[in-house]
Amino acid sequence: MANFSKSNVPQFSVDVYQNEYLPEGGREVNAIVTVTSTGGGTSGGIALDRVAASPSSIPGRTPGAAVVIMVDCSGSMEYPPTKMRNARDATAAAVDTLRDGVQFAVVAGTHVAQEVYPGGGRLATAGPATRAAAKEALRRLGAGGGTAIGTWLTLADRLLATADVPIRHGILLTDGRNEHESPDDLRAALEACAGRFTCDARGVGTDWEVKEVTGIASALLGTADIVADPAGLAADFTRMMEDAMGKEVADVVLRLWTPVGVEIVFVKQVAPSVEDLTDRRTEAGPRSGDYPTGSWGDESRDYHVCVRVPEAGIGQEMLAARVSLVLPDPAGGTPQALSQGLVRAVWTDDMAASTSINPQVAHYTGQAELAQVIQQGLDARKSGDFDGATAKLGRAVQLAAASGNADTAKLLSKVVDVVDAATGTVRLKAKVAEADEMTLETRSTKTVRVKK
């Protein structure tokens, strides 16, 4: 483990967990890389609950931040009438949670995107007066029109680009499917916004498309969730904004250097949720590639790195990969190395050493499979393949029980009757509430940390 820090960013550390021993002819090396950031998540030593209670009371250093809240105002938000009121209240609660000095805007999303506050293609600076004015503007929000989420994101990107700050963040709420633009339009908007700001996405009610909302959050390195009951929006928006206010450094990348002859099989975030980063690599010099990780506060995340090394003889060893946390210089200067760890390969004829699976690697391999079989099981259920759905969801129950993922096990029990969790023996429930099925699908990628 190594770590480097400067006073203006949190301190990062990297720990590598692996079984470095390979049998003769062995080529695949797996490692879990735990990245921990400390010194973020508070502002000048003041805890987040105090930030929320009194945003203007924060002394000391706080990173510059800008936030755009995108609220679905399409016609479906009028049914039931309480939904639009809950959305207005939730947005007001988020505005109240903004730190003084943070730049912000509110966007109303229909088949077009409109600035609700402050208007004029600019951002407001949070303070008592602007918070009050934003909440006054929210009172005039009504529902009507269609849904074209790509236009909302494009406007948010344009507004956030006017802020010279390191932390740029979006919060997006929708209650329906993206019916007034093509999937290609949304994909193009996400590609244009990727790397420019992070975005948390929420679906309210049960008439939205899970894969659309989770796809938005995935592309923009944010979180996705369901708020089945609109009455829960204010609490959820407050939590999201508190998390955004706790971020202290943006655009951190996981840099992977590999020696000649080593192939990268995959790079995945595996905690707090599963996110495959393999295809998001950008080249960073000879045999080096960068994988985006987004913004960091006071937190810890786990990554699974799998590489294929050349064959070697018994007794030989090599550096299979070097994993670094790097903060690029926006001006194009020398990037700042925050921390690094090493992945090794050692060939041995000791069968006990070469066949033992590292507990961290085993745990997260199971968590990644859990996310996959839930998706496959739900897709099979929707397509009428009930035998396939039973097999996949049974395997999910088995994996959730074995890994201690109690939250996912509880969600699964709303969709299947569990006969025997240890063997994965289940029966599909005849009737499943739509909200329960959507909650399981939306949260299927959430993982539990390995028990140390």
Protein backbone atom coordinates (compact mmCIF):
# COMPACT_ATOMS: atom_id res chain seq x y z
CA MET A 1 0.00 0.00 0.00
CA ALA A 2 1.20 3.50 -0.77
CA ASN A 3 -0.42 6.87 -0.40
CA PHE A 4 0.39 10.44 -1.28
CA SER A 5 -1.54 13.54 -0.32
CA LYS A 6 -1.61 17.28 -0.65
CA SER A 7 -3.50 19.52 1.69
CA ASN A 8 -6.05 20.51 -0.95
CA VAL A 9 -7.37 16.97 -1.62
CA PRO A 10 -8.41 14.09 0.61
CA GLN A 11 -5.80 11.42 1.30
CA PHE A 12 -6.18 8.23 -0.75
CA SER A 13 -4.88 4.78 0.09
CA VAL A 14 -4.86 1.58 -1.98
CA ASP A 15 -4.88 -1.96 -0.54
CA VAL A 16 -4.53 -4.99 -2.83
CA TYR A 17 -6.04 -8.36 -1.84
CA GLN A 18 -5.07 -11.36 -3.96
CA ASN A 19 -3.65 -14.86 -4.04
CA GLU A 20 -0.49 -14.17 -6.02
CA TYR A 21 0.40 -17.87 -6.40
CA LEU A 22 -0.25 -19.58 -9.74
CA PRO A 23 0.25 -23.25 -10.67
CA GLU A 24 2.55 -24.19 -13.54
CA GLY A 25 0.82 -22.99 -16.72
CA GLY A 26 -1.45 -20.65 -14.74
CA ARG A 27 -2.09 -17.32 -16.43
CA GLU A 28 -5.11 -15.56 -14.85
CA VAL A 29 -4.42 -13.18 -11.96
CA ASN A 30 -7.31 -11.70 -9.92
CA ALA A 31 -7.04 -8.94 -7.34
CA ILE A 32 -9.46 -6.84 -5.31
CA VAL A 33 -8.23 -3.26 -5.02
CA THR A 34 -9.72 -1.33 -2.09
CA VAL A 35 -9.50 2.45 -2.49
CA THR A 36 -10.15 4.58 0.58
CA SER A 37 -10.45 8.36 0.65
CA THR A 38 -10.19 10.12 4.02
CA GLY A 39 -10.47 13.81 4.77
CA GLY A 40 -13.50 14.24 2.51
CA GLY A 41 -17.16 14.09 3.45
CA THR A 42 -16.86 16.90 5.97
CA SER A 43 -16.28 20.56 5.42
CA GLY A 44 -13.68 22.19 7.60
CA GLY A 45 -14.23 19.42 10.15
CA ILE A 46 -18.00 19.88 10.32
CA ALA A 47 -20.10 16.74 9.90
CA LEU A 48 -22.68 16.36 7.16
CA ASP A 49 -25.67 16.43 9.50
CA ARG A 50 -24.58 19.90 10.59
CA VAL A 51 -24.04 20.92 6.97
CA ALA A 52 -27.64 19.99 6.21
CA ALA A 53 -28.97 21.77 9.27
CA SER A 54 -27.11 24.99 8.61
CA PRO A 55 -25.51 25.23 5.16
CA SER A 56 -24.25 28.74 5.78
CA SER A 57 -22.28 27.87 8.92
CA ILE A 58 -19.33 26.14 7.28
CA PRO A 59 -15.90 27.66 7.82
CA GLY A 60 -12.61 26.49 6.32
CA ARG A 61 -11.98 25.00 2.92
CA THR A 62 -14.80 23.67 0.80
CA PRO A 63 -14.37 22.65 -2.82
CA GLY A 64 -16.22 24.65 -5.44
CA ALA A 65 -19.33 22.83 -6.59
CA ALA A 66 -22.23 23.29 -9.00
CA VAL A 67 -25.49 21.32 -9.04
CA VAL A 68 -28.40 21.21 -11.50
CA ILE A 69 -31.66 19.58 -10.39
CA MET A 70 -33.76 18.22 -13.28
CA VAL A 71 -37.44 17.68 -12.37
CA ASP A 72 -39.82 15.72 -14.59
CA CYS A 73 -42.80 18.00 -15.34
CA SER A 74 -44.42 15.82 -18.03
CA GLY A 75 -48.17 15.31 -18.04
CA SER A 76 -48.00 12.02 -16.14
CA MET A 77 -46.60 13.85 -13.09
CA GLU A 78 -50.16 15.14 -12.53
CA TYR A 79 -51.45 11.63 -11.68
CA PRO A 80 -51.96 11.41 -8.78
CA PRO A 81 -51.91 15.18 -8.13
CA THR A 82 -49.79 14.65 -5.00
CA LYS A 83 -46.87 13.46 -7.19
CA MET A 84 -46.05 16.91 -8.58
CA ARG A 85 -46.43 18.44 -5.12
CA ASN A 86 -44.04 15.84 -3.68
CA ALA A 87 -41.55 16.58 -6.47
CA ARG A 88 -41.71 20.33 -5.73
CA ASP A 89 -41.24 19.68 -1.99
CA ALA A 90 -38.33 17.32 -2.65
CA THR A 91 -36.59 19.87 -4.88
CA ALA A 92 -37.11 22.56 -2.23
CA ALA A 93 -35.58 20.23 0.38
CA ALA A 94 -32.57 19.67 -1.89
CA VAL A 95 -32.19 23.44 -2.39
CA ASP A 96 -32.24 23.87 1.41
CA THR A 97 -29.39 21.35 1.70
CA LEU A 98 -27.10 23.32 -0.65
CA ARG A 99 -24.01 24.79 0.98
CA ASP A 100 -23.63 28.57 0.83
CA GLY A 101 -21.53 29.45 -2.21
CA VAL A 102 -22.50 26.40 -4.27
CA GLN A 103 -23.75 27.33 -7.75
CA PHE A 104 -27.08 25.79 -8.74
CA ALA A 105 -30.02 25.76 -11.12
CA VAL A 106 -33.38 24.01 -11.42
CA VAL A 107 -34.57 22.63 -14.78
CA ALA A 108 -38.13 21.53 -15.67
CA GLY A 109 -38.06 18.53 -17.99
CA THR A 110 -40.76 17.68 -20.53
CA HIS A 111 -40.30 17.04 -24.29
CA VAL A 112 -38.10 20.15 -23.97
CA ALA A 113 -35.94 21.42 -21.12
CA GLN A 114 -36.73 24.76 -19.48
CA GLU A 115 -34.83 26.74 -16.88
CA VAL A 116 -37.01 27.25 -13.80
CA TYR A 117 -34.40 29.11 -11.75
CA PRO A 118 -32.42 31.34 -12.04
CA GLY A 119 -32.91 31.51 -15.86
CA GLY A 120 -30.92 33.31 -18.51
CA GLY A 121 -28.55 30.38 -19.13
CA ARG A 122 -26.74 30.91 -15.84
CA LEU A 123 -26.37 29.45 -12.36
CA ALA A 124 -27.32 31.10 -9.06
CA THR A 125 -25.04 31.14 -6.02
CA ALA A 126 -26.61 29.50 -2.99
CA GLY A 127 -27.41 31.78 -0.07
CA PRO A 128 -30.51 32.67 1.97
CA ALA A 129 -31.92 34.97 -0.75
CA THR A 130 -31.36 32.65 -3.72
CA ARG A 131 -32.65 29.61 -1.84
CA ALA A 132 -35.87 31.53 -1.03
CA ALA A 133 -36.20 32.73 -4.65
CA ALA A 134 -35.67 29.20 -6.02
CA LYS A 135 -38.38 27.81 -3.73
CA GLU A 136 -40.74 30.59 -4.83
CA ALA A 137 -40.08 29.65 -8.49
CA LEU A 138 -40.77 25.99 -7.68
CA ARG A 139 -44.30 26.86 -6.53
CA ARG A 140 -45.16 27.72 -10.12
CA LEU A 141 -44.11 24.32 -11.48
CA GLY A 142 -46.94 22.44 -13.17
CA ALA A 143 -47.24 19.25 -15.21
CA GLY A 144 -47.83 18.96 -18.96
CA GLY A 145 -46.06 17.69 -22.07
CA GLY A 146 -43.89 14.70 -22.93
CA THR A 147 -40.54 13.22 -21.88
CA ALA A 148 -37.19 13.74 -23.66
CA ILE A 149 -34.49 13.20 -21.03
CA GLY A 150 -31.59 13.83 -23.41
CA THR A 151 -32.69 17.48 -23.72
CA TRP A 152 -32.70 17.82 -19.90
CA LEU A 153 -29.16 16.46 -19.63
CA THR A 154 -27.93 18.66 -22.50
CA LEU A 155 -29.26 21.80 -20.79
CA ALA A 156 -27.77 20.70 -17.44
CA ASP A 157 -24.41 20.20 -19.16
CA ARG A 158 -24.60 23.66 -20.74
CA LEU A 159 -25.41 25.28 -17.37
CA LEU A 160 -22.74 23.36 -15.45
CA ALA A 161 -20.13 24.28 -18.07
CA THR A 162 -20.49 27.93 -17.04
CA ALA A 163 -19.07 27.11 -13.56
CA ASP A 164 -15.32 27.07 -13.00
CA VAL A 165 -15.52 24.48 -10.19
CA PRO A 166 -14.14 20.95 -9.70
CA ILE A 167 -17.40 19.28 -8.57
CA ARG A 168 -20.23 19.29 -11.15
CA HIS A 169 -23.29 17.24 -10.30
CA GLY A 170 -26.81 16.57 -11.58
CA ILE A 171 -29.90 15.17 -9.86
CA LEU A 172 -32.55 13.81 -12.22
CA LEU A 173 -36.11 12.74 -11.37
CA THR A 174 -38.45 11.03 -13.83
CA ASP A 175 -41.77 9.20 -13.52
CA GLY A 176 -42.15 7.91 -17.08
CA ARG A 177 -40.52 6.39 -20.11
CA ASN A 178 -38.39 8.47 -22.45
CA GLU A 179 -41.01 8.45 -25.21
CA HIS A 180 -40.41 11.76 -26.99
CA GLU A 181 -36.91 11.16 -28.30
CA SER A 182 -35.20 8.09 -29.75
CA PRO A 183 -32.90 5.80 -27.71
CA ASP A 184 -30.10 7.04 -30.00
CA ASP A 185 -30.81 10.66 -28.98
CA LEU A 186 -30.55 9.77 -25.29
CA ARG A 187 -27.40 7.73 -25.92
CA ALA A 188 -25.80 10.63 -27.79
CA ALA A 189 -26.65 13.03 -24.94
CA LEU A 190 -25.14 10.66 -22.38
CA GLU A 191 -21.97 10.26 -24.44
CA ALA A 192 -21.67 14.06 -24.71
CA CYS A 193 -22.17 14.50 -20.93
CA ALA A 194 -19.96 11.61 -19.76
CA GLY A 195 -16.90 12.86 -17.90
CA ARG A 196 -18.32 16.40 -17.71
CA PHE A 197 -20.58 15.91 -14.68
CA THR A 198 -21.86 13.11 -12.45
CA CYS A 199 -25.58 12.47 -12.11
CA ASP A 200 -27.85 10.64 -9.66
CA ALA A 201 -31.10 9.40 -11.24
CA ARG A 202 -34.36 8.52 -9.52
CA GLY A 203 -37.54 6.91 -10.82
CA VAL A 204 -40.71 7.82 -8.93
CA GLY A 205 -43.77 5.57 -9.01
CA THR A 206 -43.76 2.50 -11.31
CA ASP A 207 -44.34 3.80 -14.86
CA TRP A 208 -40.69 4.41 -15.75
CA GLU A 209 -38.15 2.11 -17.41
CA VAL A 210 -35.55 0.65 -15.02
CA LYS A 211 -32.88 0.14 -17.69
CA GLU A 212 -33.22 3.81 -18.80
CA VAL A 213 -32.77 5.22 -15.31
CA THR A 214 -29.95 2.86 -14.30
CA GLY A 215 -28.30 3.47 -17.70
CA ILE A 216 -28.26 7.24 -17.08
CA ALA A 217 -26.68 6.81 -13.64
CA SER A 218 -24.17 4.28 -14.95
CA ALA A 219 -23.05 6.46 -17.87
CA LEU A 220 -22.65 9.49 -15.59
CA LEU A 221 -21.08 7.63 -12.62
CA GLY A 222 -23.96 8.37 -10.26
CA THR A 223 -26.48 6.34 -8.28
CA ALA A 224 -29.88 5.06 -9.38
CA ASP A 225 -32.84 4.15 -7.22
CA ILE A 226 -36.61 3.82 -7.11
CA VAL A 227 -38.86 5.98 -4.95
CA ALA A 228 -42.04 3.91 -5.30
CA ASP A 229 -44.04 6.20 -2.99
CA PRO A 230 -43.72 9.88 -4.01
CA ALA A 231 -44.04 10.82 -0.31
CA GLY A 232 -40.47 9.53 0.14
CA LEU A 233 -38.96 11.96 -2.39
CA ALA A 234 -38.00 14.77 0.03
CA ALA A 235 -35.97 12.46 2.29
CA ASP A 236 -34.29 10.87 -0.75
CA PHE A 237 -33.44 14.23 -2.38
CA THR A 238 -32.02 15.52 0.91
CA ARG A 239 -29.74 12.45 1.19
CA MET A 240 -28.61 12.80 -2.42
CA MET A 241 -27.75 16.47 -1.95
CA GLU A 242 -25.91 15.75 1.32
CA ASP A 243 -23.80 13.19 -0.55
CA ALA A 244 -23.11 15.69 -3.34
CA MET A 245 -22.10 18.34 -0.80
CA GLY A 246 -19.70 15.81 0.77
CA LYS A 247 -17.66 15.32 -2.42
CA GLU A 248 -14.21 16.90 -2.21
CA VAL A 249 -12.37 15.82 -5.34
CA ALA A 250 -13.67 15.07 -8.85
CA ASP A 251 -12.46 13.24 -11.96
CA VAL A 252 -10.21 10.77 -10.14
CA VAL A 253 -9.12 7.90 -12.42
CA LEU A 254 -7.93 4.39 -11.69
CA ARG A 255 -4.75 4.02 -13.78
CA LEU A 256 -3.67 0.50 -14.69
CA TRP A 257 -0.14 -0.12 -15.96
CA THR A 258 0.71 -3.58 -17.24
CA PRO A 259 4.06 -5.01 -18.43
CA VAL A 260 4.64 -6.24 -21.98
CA GLY A 261 2.68 -9.43 -22.68
CA VAL A 262 0.02 -8.87 -20.02
CA GLU A 263 -3.61 -8.62 -21.22
CA ILE A 264 -6.41 -6.93 -19.26
CA VAL A 265 -9.42 -9.26 -18.92
CA PHE A 266 -11.63 -6.78 -17.04
CA VAL A 267 -11.75 -3.90 -14.56
CA LYS A 268 -14.96 -3.62 -12.46
CA GLN A 269 -16.11 -1.60 -9.51
CA VAL A 270 -17.60 -4.23 -7.18
CA ALA A 271 -18.54 -2.18 -4.09
CA PRO A 272 -20.71 -0.34 -3.18
CA SER A 273 -22.25 -1.53 -6.49
CA VAL A 274 -21.19 -3.49 -9.55
CA GLU A 275 -20.12 -1.30 -12.48
CA ASP A 276 -18.08 -2.71 -15.38
CA LEU A 277 -15.43 -0.13 -16.33
CA THR A 278 -13.53 -2.29 -18.86
CA ASP A 279 -14.84 -0.52 -21.97
CA ARG A 280 -14.39 2.96 -20.49
CA ARG A 281 -10.61 2.84 -20.67
CA THR A 282 -8.77 5.81 -22.16
CA GLU A 283 -5.11 5.41 -23.05
CA ALA A 284 -2.65 7.17 -20.72
CA GLY A 285 0.77 6.51 -22.16
CA PRO A 286 2.74 3.33 -22.90
CA ARG A 287 0.89 0.26 -21.50
CA SER A 288 -1.22 2.51 -19.23
CA GLY A 289 -4.96 3.09 -19.29
CA ASP A 290 -7.31 5.21 -17.18
CA TYR A 291 -10.71 4.09 -15.87
CA PRO A 292 -13.08 6.83 -14.58
CA THR A 293 -14.23 6.71 -10.93
CA GLY A 294 -16.02 10.09 -10.64
CA SER A 295 -16.14 12.23 -7.50
CA TRP A 296 -14.96 11.24 -4.01
CA GLY A 297 -15.79 12.28 -0.47
CA ASP A 298 -15.06 10.31 2.70
CA GLU A 299 -15.59 6.75 1.42
CA SER A 300 -14.16 3.41 0.37
CA ARG A 301 -14.77 1.46 -2.84
CA ASP A 302 -13.61 -1.92 -4.12
CA TYR A 303 -12.46 -2.77 -7.65
CA HIS A 304 -11.86 -6.20 -9.22
CA VAL A 305 -8.90 -6.28 -11.62
CA CYS A 306 -8.33 -9.41 -13.71
CA VAL A 307 -5.29 -9.75 -16.00
CA ARG A 308 -3.80 -12.57 -18.10
CA VAL A 309 -0.01 -12.97 -17.79
CA PRO A 310 2.41 -14.90 -20.04
CA GLU A 311 3.24 -18.45 -18.97
CA ALA A 312 6.30 -18.82 -16.74
CA GLY A 313 8.21 -21.57 -14.94
CA ILE A 314 7.99 -22.66 -11.29
CA GLY A 315 9.80 -20.23 -8.99
CA GLN A 316 9.45 -17.24 -11.31
CA GLU A 317 7.60 -14.10 -10.28
CA MET A 318 6.56 -10.89 -11.97
CA LEU A 319 4.70 -7.62 -11.45
CA ALA A 320 1.37 -8.35 -13.16
CA ALA A 321 -0.04 -4.81 -12.87
CA ARG A 322 0.42 -1.52 -11.07
CA VAL A 323 -2.80 0.20 -9.95
CA SER A 324 -2.66 3.95 -9.25
CA LEU A 325 -5.18 6.60 -8.27
CA VAL A 326 -4.48 9.69 -10.37
CA LEU A 327 -5.94 13.19 -10.40
CA PRO A 328 -5.51 14.70 -13.89
CA ASP A 329 -4.57 18.37 -14.21
CA PRO A 330 -7.46 20.20 -15.96
CA ALA A 331 -4.87 22.54 -17.51
CA GLY A 332 -3.10 19.58 -19.11
CA GLY A 333 -0.09 19.62 -16.78
CA THR A 334 1.39 16.72 -14.83
CA PRO A 335 -1.31 14.58 -13.18
CA GLN A 336 -1.12 14.14 -9.41
CA ALA A 337 -0.46 10.59 -8.16
CA LEU A 338 -2.67 9.99 -5.12
CA SER A 339 -1.88 6.36 -4.27
CA GLN A 340 -0.78 3.06 -5.77
CA GLY A 341 -0.75 -0.70 -5.21
CA LEU A 342 0.91 -3.68 -6.92
CA VAL A 343 -0.57 -6.89 -8.31
CA ARG A 344 1.92 -9.78 -8.41
CA ALA A 345 2.18 -13.23 -9.95
CA VAL A 346 4.35 -16.01 -8.47
CA TRP A 347 4.48 -19.51 -9.97
CA THR A 348 4.68 -22.38 -7.49
CA ASP A 349 4.36 -26.18 -7.34
CA ASP A 350 2.75 -25.88 -3.88
CA MET A 351 -0.78 -27.09 -4.64
CA ALA A 352 -2.26 -25.66 -1.41
CA ALA A 353 -0.88 -22.18 -2.19
CA SER A 354 -1.87 -22.09 -5.87
CA THR A 355 -5.41 -23.46 -5.48
CA SER A 356 -6.57 -21.33 -2.55
CA ILE A 357 -8.98 -18.56 -3.58
CA ASN A 358 -8.53 -15.19 -1.89
CA PRO A 359 -11.65 -14.49 0.26
CA GLN A 360 -12.13 -10.98 -1.17
CA VAL A 361 -11.88 -12.25 -4.77
CA ALA A 362 -14.32 -15.09 -4.04
CA HIS A 363 -16.81 -12.77 -2.32
CA TYR A 364 -16.94 -10.18 -5.09
CA THR A 365 -17.00 -12.77 -7.87
CA GLY A 366 -20.17 -14.01 -6.16
CA GLN A 367 -21.61 -10.49 -5.82
CA ALA A 368 -21.03 -9.79 -9.53
CA GLU A 369 -22.73 -13.10 -10.40
CA LEU A 370 -25.61 -12.19 -8.04
CA ALA A 371 -26.26 -8.94 -9.95
CA GLN A 372 -26.11 -10.80 -13.26
CA VAL A 373 -28.48 -13.68 -12.35
CA ILE A 374 -31.07 -11.27 -10.90
CA GLN A 375 -31.16 -9.38 -14.22
CA GLN A 376 -31.29 -12.63 -16.21
CA GLY A 377 -34.01 -14.05 -13.94
CA LEU A 378 -36.23 -10.97 -14.16
CA ASP A 379 -35.75 -10.78 -17.96
CA ALA A 380 -36.71 -14.48 -18.24
CA ARG A 381 -39.79 -13.91 -16.06
CA LYS A 382 -40.93 -10.99 -18.25
CA SER A 383 -40.50 -13.08 -21.42
CA GLY A 384 -42.55 -15.99 -19.99
CA ASP A 385 -39.59 -18.37 -19.46
CA PHE A 386 -40.66 -19.37 -15.95
CA ASP A 387 -38.29 -22.35 -15.65
CA GLY A 388 -35.33 -20.16 -16.58
CA ALA A 389 -36.51 -17.44 -14.19
CA THR A 390 -36.86 -19.94 -11.33
CA ALA A 391 -33.34 -21.30 -11.92
CA LYS A 392 -31.68 -17.86 -12.12
CA LEU A 393 -33.57 -16.32 -9.18
CA GLY A 394 -32.94 -19.49 -7.14
CA ARG A 395 -29.22 -19.06 -7.77
CA ALA A 396 -29.57 -15.40 -6.73
CA VAL A 397 -31.21 -16.43 -3.43
CA GLN A 398 -28.36 -18.90 -2.82
CA LEU A 399 -25.67 -16.30 -3.53
CA ALA A 400 -27.37 -13.59 -1.43
CA ALA A 401 -27.66 -15.99 1.53
CA ALA A 402 -24.05 -17.22 1.25
CA SER A 403 -22.60 -13.69 1.07
CA GLY A 404 -24.76 -12.18 3.80
CA ASN A 405 -26.42 -9.73 1.39
CA ALA A 406 -29.54 -9.41 3.55
CA ASP A 407 -30.98 -6.40 1.67
CA THR A 408 -30.97 -8.24 -1.67
CA ALA A 409 -32.27 -11.43 -0.03
CA LYS A 410 -35.22 -9.44 1.36
CA LEU A 411 -35.99 -7.96 -2.08
CA LEU A 412 -35.79 -11.43 -3.68
CA SER A 413 -38.29 -12.79 -1.15
CA LYS A 414 -40.91 -10.38 -2.57
CA VAL A 415 -40.56 -12.04 -6.00
CA VAL A 416 -40.02 -15.71 -5.08
CA ASP A 417 -41.09 -18.02 -2.24
CA VAL A 418 -37.86 -19.36 -0.75
CA VAL A 419 -38.03 -23.09 0.01
CA ASP A 420 -34.33 -23.55 0.85
CA ALA A 421 -31.94 -20.59 0.58
CA ALA A 422 -28.79 -22.73 0.96
CA THR A 423 -29.60 -24.80 -2.14
CA GLY A 424 -31.37 -22.00 -4.01
CA THR A 425 -34.68 -23.87 -4.12
CA VAL A 426 -37.47 -21.36 -4.84
CA ARG A 427 -40.92 -21.00 -6.40
CA LEU A 428 -41.95 -17.96 -8.43
CA LYS A 429 -44.72 -16.00 -6.74
CA ALA A 430 -47.94 -16.00 -8.77
CA LYS A 431 -48.51 -12.30 -8.11
CA VAL A 432 -45.73 -9.75 -7.65
CA ALA A 433 -46.27 -6.05 -7.00
CA GLU A 434 -44.73 -4.00 -9.81
CA ALA A 435 -42.92 -1.80 -7.30
CA ASP A 436 -41.28 -4.87 -5.70
CA GLU A 437 -40.05 -6.21 -9.05
CA MET A 438 -38.73 -2.78 -10.10
CA THR A 439 -37.00 -2.28 -6.74
CA LEU A 440 -35.20 -5.62 -7.08
CA GLU A 441 -34.11 -4.78 -10.63
CA THR A 442 -32.98 -1.24 -9.77
CA ARG A 443 -30.99 -2.33 -6.70
CA SER A 444 -29.67 -5.61 -8.13
CA THR A 445 -26.14 -4.20 -8.55
CA LYS A 446 -25.81 -3.06 -4.92
CA THR A 447 -23.28 -5.22 -3.07
CA VAL A 448 -22.18 -5.86 0.50
CA ARG A 449 -18.57 -5.45 1.57
CA VAL A 450 -16.59 -8.59 2.31
CA LYS A 451 -16.44 -9.40 6.02
CA LYS A 452 -12.83 -8.75 7.01
